[in-house]
C-alpha atoms as a PDB file:
ATOM      1  CA  UNK A   1      81.859 228.005 185.495  1.00  0.00           C
ATOM      2  CA  UNK A   2      83.109 229.092 188.903  1.00  0.00           C
ATOM      3  CA  UNK A   3      84.758 232.279 190.140  1.00  0.00           C
ATOM      4  CA  UNK A   4      87.216 232.346 192.981  1.00  0.00           C
ATOM      5  CA  UNK A   5      88.083 235.791 194.053  1.00  0.00           C
ATOM      6  CA  UNK A   6      91.739 236.447 194.899  1.00  0.00           C
ATOM      7  CA  UNK A   7      91.730 240.067 195.977  1.00  0.00           C
ATOM      8  CA  UNK A   8      93.758 240.487 199.185  1.00  0.00           C
ATOM      9  CA  UNK A   9      94.934 236.924 199.141  1.00  0.00           C
ATOM     10  CA  UNK A  10      98.538 237.693 198.453  1.00  0.00           C
ATOM     11  CA  UNK A  11     100.728 240.132 200.338  1.00  0.00           C
ATOM     12  CA  UNK A  12     103.739 242.059 198.969  1.00  0.00           C
ATOM     13  CA  UNK A  13     106.046 239.239 200.255  1.00  0.00           C
ATOM     14  CA  UNK A  14     104.334 236.745 197.866  1.00  0.00           C
ATOM     15  CA  UNK A  15     105.207 238.787 194.793  1.00  0.00           C
ATOM     16  CA  UNK A  16     108.249 239.310 192.681  1.00  0.00           C
ATOM     17  CA  UNK A  17     106.782 242.590 191.483  1.00  0.00           C
ATOM     18  CA  UNK A  18     103.383 244.319 191.940  1.00  0.00           C
ATOM     19  CA  UNK A  19     101.618 241.618 189.831  1.00  0.00           C
ATOM     20  CA  UNK A  20     103.536 238.292 189.550  1.00  0.00           C
ATOM     21  CA  UNK A  21     103.707 235.853 192.476  1.00  0.00           C
ATOM     22  CA  UNK A  22     106.932 234.119 193.305  1.00  0.00           C
ATOM     23  CA  UNK A  23     107.054 230.466 194.671  1.00  0.00           C
ATOM     24  CA  UNK A  24     105.519 231.329 197.994  1.00  0.00           C
ATOM     25  CA  UNK A  25     102.766 233.203 196.254  1.00  0.00           C
ATOM     26  CA  UNK A  26     102.119 230.444 193.779  1.00  0.00           C
ATOM     27  CA  UNK A  27     101.929 228.110 196.746  1.00  0.00           C
ATOM     28  CA  UNK A  28      99.372 230.411 198.485  1.00  0.00           C
ATOM     29  CA  UNK A  29      97.245 230.456 195.345  1.00  0.00           C
ATOM     30  CA  UNK A  30      97.423 226.554 194.943  1.00  0.00           C
ATOM     31  CA  UNK A  31      96.457 226.022 198.608  1.00  0.00           C
ATOM     32  CA  UNK A  32      93.411 228.312 198.101  1.00  0.00           C
ATOM     33  CA  UNK A  33      92.352 226.750 194.781  1.00  0.00           C
ATOM     34  CA  UNK A  34      92.977 223.124 195.446  1.00  0.00           C
ATOM     35  CA  UNK A  35      89.842 222.625 197.811  1.00  0.00           C
ATOM     36  CA  UNK A  36      87.600 224.607 195.409  1.00  0.00           C
ATOM     37  CA  UNK A  37      88.734 222.489 192.438  1.00  0.00           C
ATOM     38  CA  UNK A  38      88.360 219.275 194.389  1.00  0.00           C
ATOM     39  CA  UNK A  39      84.857 220.213 195.547  1.00  0.00           C
ATOM     40  CA  UNK A  40      83.883 221.137 191.983  1.00  0.00           C
ATOM     41  CA  UNK A  41      85.021 217.897 190.489  1.00  0.00           C
ATOM     42  CA  UNK A  42      83.809 215.761 193.373  1.00  0.00           C
ATOM     43  CA  UNK A  43      87.060 214.503 194.778  1.00  0.00           C
END
């Protein structure tokens, strides 16, 4: 199991409300997680 911290990764412009990301926020999350996942599965 792996943990990827996300605190401070999104700004208010990435959120539809104080908690939920909109499209730009989801893209920022994906851009951060994709290399971590790829490294973990060996791609």
